[in-house]
């Protein structure tokens, strides 16, 4: 499950980068970035076994 979460986070970051440089996606792309960052943080926390 964590590999899937990490993959989704990477895809969202790529979409954010494309949208940021294209200026056509609007503010929704920044919401995707926030979701991706949260997903990466959750994976790091769960990966440590805390």
PDB file of N, CA and C in Angstrom:
ATOM      1  N   UNK A   1       0.823  -1.198   0.000  1.00  0.00           N
ATOM      2  CA  UNK A   1       0.000   0.000   0.000  1.00  0.00           C
ATOM      3  C   UNK A   1       0.863   1.257   0.000  1.00  0.00           C
ATOM      4  N   UNK A   2       1.981   1.203   0.701  1.00  0.00           N
ATOM      5  CA  UNK A   2       2.824   2.402   0.767  1.00  0.00           C
ATOM      6  C   UNK A   2       3.471   2.699  -0.581  1.00  0.00           C
ATOM      7  N   UNK A   3       3.773   1.656  -1.361  1.00  0.00           N
ATOM      8  CA  UNK A   3       4.330   1.891  -2.692  1.00  0.00           C
ATOM      9  C   UNK A   3       3.312   2.576  -3.593  1.00  0.00           C
ATOM     10  N   UNK A   4       2.054   2.195  -3.462  1.00  0.00           N
ATOM     11  CA  UNK A   4       0.992   2.831  -4.232  1.00  0.00           C
ATOM     12  C   UNK A   4       0.843   4.295  -3.828  1.00  0.00           C
ATOM     13  N   UNK A   5       0.896   4.545  -2.525  1.00  0.00           N
ATOM     14  CA  UNK A   5       0.781   5.913  -2.026  1.00  0.00           C
ATOM     15  C   UNK A   5       1.931   6.771  -2.529  1.00  0.00           C
ATOM     16  N   UNK A   6       3.131   6.214  -2.505  1.00  0.00           N
ATOM     17  CA  UNK A   6       4.301   6.945  -2.986  1.00  0.00           C
ATOM     18  C   UNK A   6       4.202   7.222  -4.482  1.00  0.00           C
ATOM     19  N   UNK A   7       3.717   6.247  -5.248  1.00  0.00           N
ATOM     20  CA  UNK A   7       3.557   6.420  -6.685  1.00  0.00           C
ATOM     21  C   UNK A   7       2.542   7.512  -6.995  1.00  0.00           C
ATOM     22  N   UNK A   8       1.435   7.511  -6.276  1.00  0.00           N
ATOM     23  CA  UNK A   8       0.420   8.553  -6.472  1.00  0.00           C
ATOM     24  C   UNK A   8       0.993   9.919  -6.135  1.00  0.00           C
ATOM     25  N   UNK A   9       1.772  10.006  -5.069  1.00  0.00           N
ATOM     26  CA  UNK A   9       2.381  11.277  -4.687  1.00  0.00           C
ATOM     27  C   UNK A   9       3.317  11.788  -5.778  1.00  0.00           C
ATOM     28  N   UNK A  10       4.112  10.907  -6.340  1.00  0.00           N
ATOM     29  CA  UNK A  10       5.044  11.310  -7.405  1.00  0.00           C
ATOM     30  C   UNK A  10       4.269  11.784  -8.634  1.00  0.00           C
ATOM     31  N   UNK A  11       3.205  11.074  -8.985  1.00  0.00           N
ATOM     32  CA  UNK A  11       2.391  11.471 -10.132  1.00  0.00           C
ATOM     33  C   UNK A  11       1.764  12.843  -9.890  1.00  0.00           C
ATOM     34  N   UNK A  12       1.263  13.076  -8.678  1.00  0.00           N
ATOM     35  CA  UNK A  12       0.660  14.374  -8.368  1.00  0.00           C
ATOM     36  C   UNK A  12       1.685  15.496  -8.431  1.00  0.00           C
ATOM     37  N   UNK A  13       2.900  15.229  -7.978  1.00  0.00           N
ATOM     38  CA  UNK A  13       3.952  16.247  -8.049  1.00  0.00           C
ATOM     39  C   UNK A  13       4.293  16.561  -9.500  1.00  0.00           C
ATOM     40  N   UNK A  14       4.330  15.535 -10.339  1.00  0.00           N
ATOM     41  CA  UNK A  14       4.599  15.759 -11.767  1.00  0.00           C
ATOM     42  C   UNK A  14       3.477  16.587 -12.388  1.00  0.00           C
ATOM     43  N   UNK A  15       2.216  16.249 -12.072  1.00  0.00           N
ATOM     44  CA  UNK A  15       1.089  17.038 -12.584  1.00  0.00           C
ATOM     45  C   UNK A  15       1.164  18.481 -12.106  1.00  0.00           C
ATOM     46  N   UNK A  16       1.584  18.686 -10.839  1.00  0.00           N
ATOM     47  CA  UNK A  16       1.702  20.045 -10.315  1.00  0.00           C
ATOM     48  C   UNK A  16       2.756  20.817 -11.096  1.00  0.00           C
ATOM     49  N   UNK A  17       3.890  20.175 -11.357  1.00  0.00           N
ATOM     50  CA  UNK A  17       4.959  20.849 -12.081  1.00  0.00           C
ATOM     51  C   UNK A  17       4.503  21.233 -13.489  1.00  0.00           C
ATOM     52  N   UNK A  18       3.809  20.330 -14.163  1.00  0.00           N
ATOM     53  CA  UNK A  18       3.310  20.620 -15.511  1.00  0.00           C
ATOM     54  C   UNK A  18       2.296  21.755 -15.457  1.00  0.00           C
ATOM     55  N   UNK A  19       1.377  21.699 -14.514  1.00  0.00           N
ATOM     56  CA  UNK A  19       0.353  22.746 -14.383  1.00  0.00           C
ATOM     57  C   UNK A  19       0.941  24.086 -13.981  1.00  0.00           C
ATOM     58  N   UNK A  20       1.971  24.055 -13.140  1.00  0.00           N
ATOM     59  CA  UNK A  20       2.591  25.298 -12.694  1.00  0.00           C
ATOM     60  C   UNK A  20       3.248  26.028 -13.857  1.00  0.00           C
ATOM     61  N   UNK A  21       3.898  25.282 -14.728  1.00  0.00           N
ATOM     62  CA  UNK A  21       4.582  25.908 -15.860  1.00  0.00           C
ATOM     63  C   UNK A  21       3.631  26.219 -17.012  1.00  0.00           C
ATOM     64  N   UNK A  22       2.512  25.546 -17.085  1.00  0.00           N
ATOM     65  CA  UNK A  22       1.557  25.792 -18.163  1.00  0.00           C
ATOM     66  C   UNK A  22       0.570  26.910 -17.813  1.00  0.00           C
ATOM     67  N   UNK A  23       0.378  27.177 -16.518  1.00  0.00           N
ATOM     68  CA  UNK A  23      -0.550  28.209 -16.028  1.00  0.00           C
ATOM     69  C   UNK A  23      -1.988  27.989 -16.492  1.00  0.00           C
ATOM     70  N   UNK A  24      -2.331  26.762 -16.854  1.00  0.00           N
ATOM     71  CA  UNK A  24      -3.686  26.542 -17.356  1.00  0.00           C
ATOM     72  C   UNK A  24      -4.552  25.745 -16.392  1.00  0.00           C
ATOM     73  N   UNK A  25      -3.957  25.175 -15.371  1.00  0.00           N
ATOM     74  CA  UNK A  25      -4.707  24.309 -14.473  1.00  0.00           C
ATOM     75  C   UNK A  25      -5.387  25.073 -13.342  1.00  0.00           C
ATOM     76  N   UNK A  26      -4.990  26.301 -13.101  1.00  0.00           N
ATOM     77  CA  UNK A  26      -5.616  27.085 -12.049  1.00  0.00           C
ATOM     78  C   UNK A  26      -5.156  26.657 -10.668  1.00  0.00           C
ATOM     79  N   UNK A  27      -5.976  26.936  -9.670  1.00  0.00           N
ATOM     80  CA  UNK A  27      -5.583  26.677  -8.292  1.00  0.00           C
ATOM     81  C   UNK A  27      -5.736  25.215  -7.887  1.00  0.00           C
ATOM     82  N   UNK A  28      -6.458  24.425  -8.658  1.00  0.00           N
ATOM     83  CA  UNK A  28      -6.652  23.017  -8.308  1.00  0.00           C
ATOM     84  C   UNK A  28      -5.336  22.263  -8.299  1.00  0.00           C
ATOM     85  N   UNK A  29      -4.376  22.679  -9.107  1.00  0.00           N
ATOM     86  CA  UNK A  29      -3.099  21.990  -9.172  1.00  0.00           C
ATOM     87  C   UNK A  29      -2.327  22.154  -7.872  1.00  0.00           C
ATOM     88  N   UNK A  30      -2.517  23.262  -7.168  1.00  0.00           N
ATOM     89  CA  UNK A  30      -1.848  23.469  -5.888  1.00  0.00           C
ATOM     90  C   UNK A  30      -2.455  22.572  -4.811  1.00  0.00           C
ATOM     91  N   UNK A  31      -3.732  22.291  -4.926  1.00  0.00           N
ATOM     92  CA  UNK A  31      -4.369  21.348  -4.004  1.00  0.00           C
ATOM     93  C   UNK A  31      -3.774  19.960  -4.211  1.00  0.00           C
ATOM     94  N   UNK A  32      -3.523  19.595  -5.459  1.00  0.00           N
ATOM     95  CA  UNK A  32      -2.889  18.312  -5.745  1.00  0.00           C
ATOM     96  C   UNK A  32      -1.490  18.244  -5.152  1.00  0.00           C
ATOM     97  N   UNK A  33      -0.763  19.355  -5.188  1.00  0.00           N
ATOM     98  CA  UNK A  33       0.569  19.381  -4.597  1.00  0.00           C
ATOM     99  C   UNK A  33       0.499  19.152  -3.099  1.00  0.00           C
ATOM    100  N   UNK A  34      -0.443  19.789  -2.438  1.00  0.00           N
ATOM    101  CA  UNK A  34      -0.596  19.612  -0.999  1.00  0.00           C
ATOM    102  C   UNK A  34      -0.912  18.153  -0.668  1.00  0.00           C
ATOM    103  N   UNK A  35      -1.793  17.541  -1.451  1.00  0.00           N
ATOM    104  CA  UNK A  35      -2.129  16.131  -1.238  1.00  0.00           C
ATOM    105  C   UNK A  35      -0.895  15.257  -1.432  1.00  0.00           C
ATOM    106  N   UNK A  36      -0.094  15.564  -2.436  1.00  0.00           N
ATOM    107  CA  UNK A  36       1.116  14.786  -2.694  1.00  0.00           C
ATOM    108  C   UNK A  36       2.118  14.920  -1.556  1.00  0.00           C
ATOM    109  N   UNK A  37       2.283  16.116  -1.035  1.00  0.00           N
ATOM    110  CA  UNK A  37       3.215  16.328   0.074  1.00  0.00           C
ATOM    111  C   UNK A  37       2.736  15.579   1.316  1.00  0.00           C
ATOM    112  N   UNK A  38       1.438  15.629   1.590  1.00  0.00           N
ATOM    113  CA  UNK A  38       0.890  14.899   2.731  1.00  0.00           C
ATOM    114  C   UNK A  38       1.115  13.403   2.565  1.00  0.00           C
ATOM    115  N   UNK A  39       0.933  12.893   1.347  1.00  0.00           N
ATOM    116  CA  UNK A  39       1.136  11.469   1.091  1.00  0.00           C
ATOM    117  C   UNK A  39       2.589  11.071   1.331  1.00  0.00           C
ATOM    118  N   UNK A  40       3.527  11.899   0.913  1.00  0.00           N
ATOM    119  CA  UNK A  40       4.943  11.602   1.125  1.00  0.00           C
ATOM    120  C   UNK A  40       5.271  11.628   2.616  1.00  0.00           C
ATOM    121  N   UNK A  41       4.750  12.603   3.335  1.00  0.00           N
ATOM    122  CA  UNK A  41       4.996  12.690   4.783  1.00  0.00           C
ATOM    123  C   UNK A  41       4.434  11.468   5.498  1.00  0.00           C
ATOM    124  N   UNK A  42       3.226  11.064   5.135  1.00  0.00           N
ATOM    125  CA  UNK A  42       2.642   9.870   5.750  1.00  0.00           C
ATOM    126  C   UNK A  42       3.482   8.632   5.464  1.00  0.00           C
ATOM    127  N   UNK A  43       4.007   8.528   4.259  1.00  0.00           N
ATOM    128  CA  UNK A  43       4.838   7.378   3.927  1.00  0.00           C
ATOM    129  C   UNK A  43       6.125   7.378   4.740  1.00  0.00           C
ATOM    130  N   UNK A  44       6.717   8.550   4.922  1.00  0.00           N
ATOM    131  CA  UNK A  44       7.937   8.622   5.716  1.00  0.00           C
ATOM    132  C   UNK A  44       7.682   8.255   7.174  1.00  0.00           C
ATOM    133  N   UNK A  45       6.567   8.710   7.704  1.00  0.00           N
ATOM    134  CA  UNK A  45       6.220   8.403   9.090  1.00  0.00           C
ATOM    135  C   UNK A  45       5.966   6.915   9.260  1.00  0.00           C
ATOM    136  N   UNK A  46       5.200   6.327   8.364  1.00  0.00           N
ATOM    137  CA  UNK A  46       4.878   4.896   8.457  1.00  0.00           C
ATOM    138  C   UNK A  46       6.098   4.041   8.155  1.00  0.00           C
ATOM    139  N   UNK A  47       7.006   4.529   7.344  1.00  0.00           N
ATOM    140  CA  UNK A  47       8.195   3.778   6.999  1.00  0.00           C
ATOM    141  C   UNK A  47       9.162   3.626   8.166  1.00  0.00           C
ATOM    142  N   UNK A  48       9.167   4.570   9.071  1.00  0.00           N
ATOM    143  CA  UNK A  48      10.042   4.513  10.227  1.00  0.00           C
ATOM    144  C   UNK A  48       9.519   3.558  11.299  1.00  0.00           C
ATOM    145  N   UNK A  49       8.239   3.247  11.245  1.00  0.00           N
ATOM    146  CA  UNK A  49       7.664   2.332  12.228  1.00  0.00           C
ATOM    147  C   UNK A  49       7.381   2.973  13.565  1.00  0.00           C
ATOM    148  N   UNK A  50       7.149   4.260  13.566  1.00  0.00           N
ATOM    149  CA  UNK A  50       6.837   4.975  14.810  1.00  0.00           C
ATOM    150  C   UNK A  50       5.428   4.657  15.240  1.00  0.00           C
TER     151      UNK A  50
END
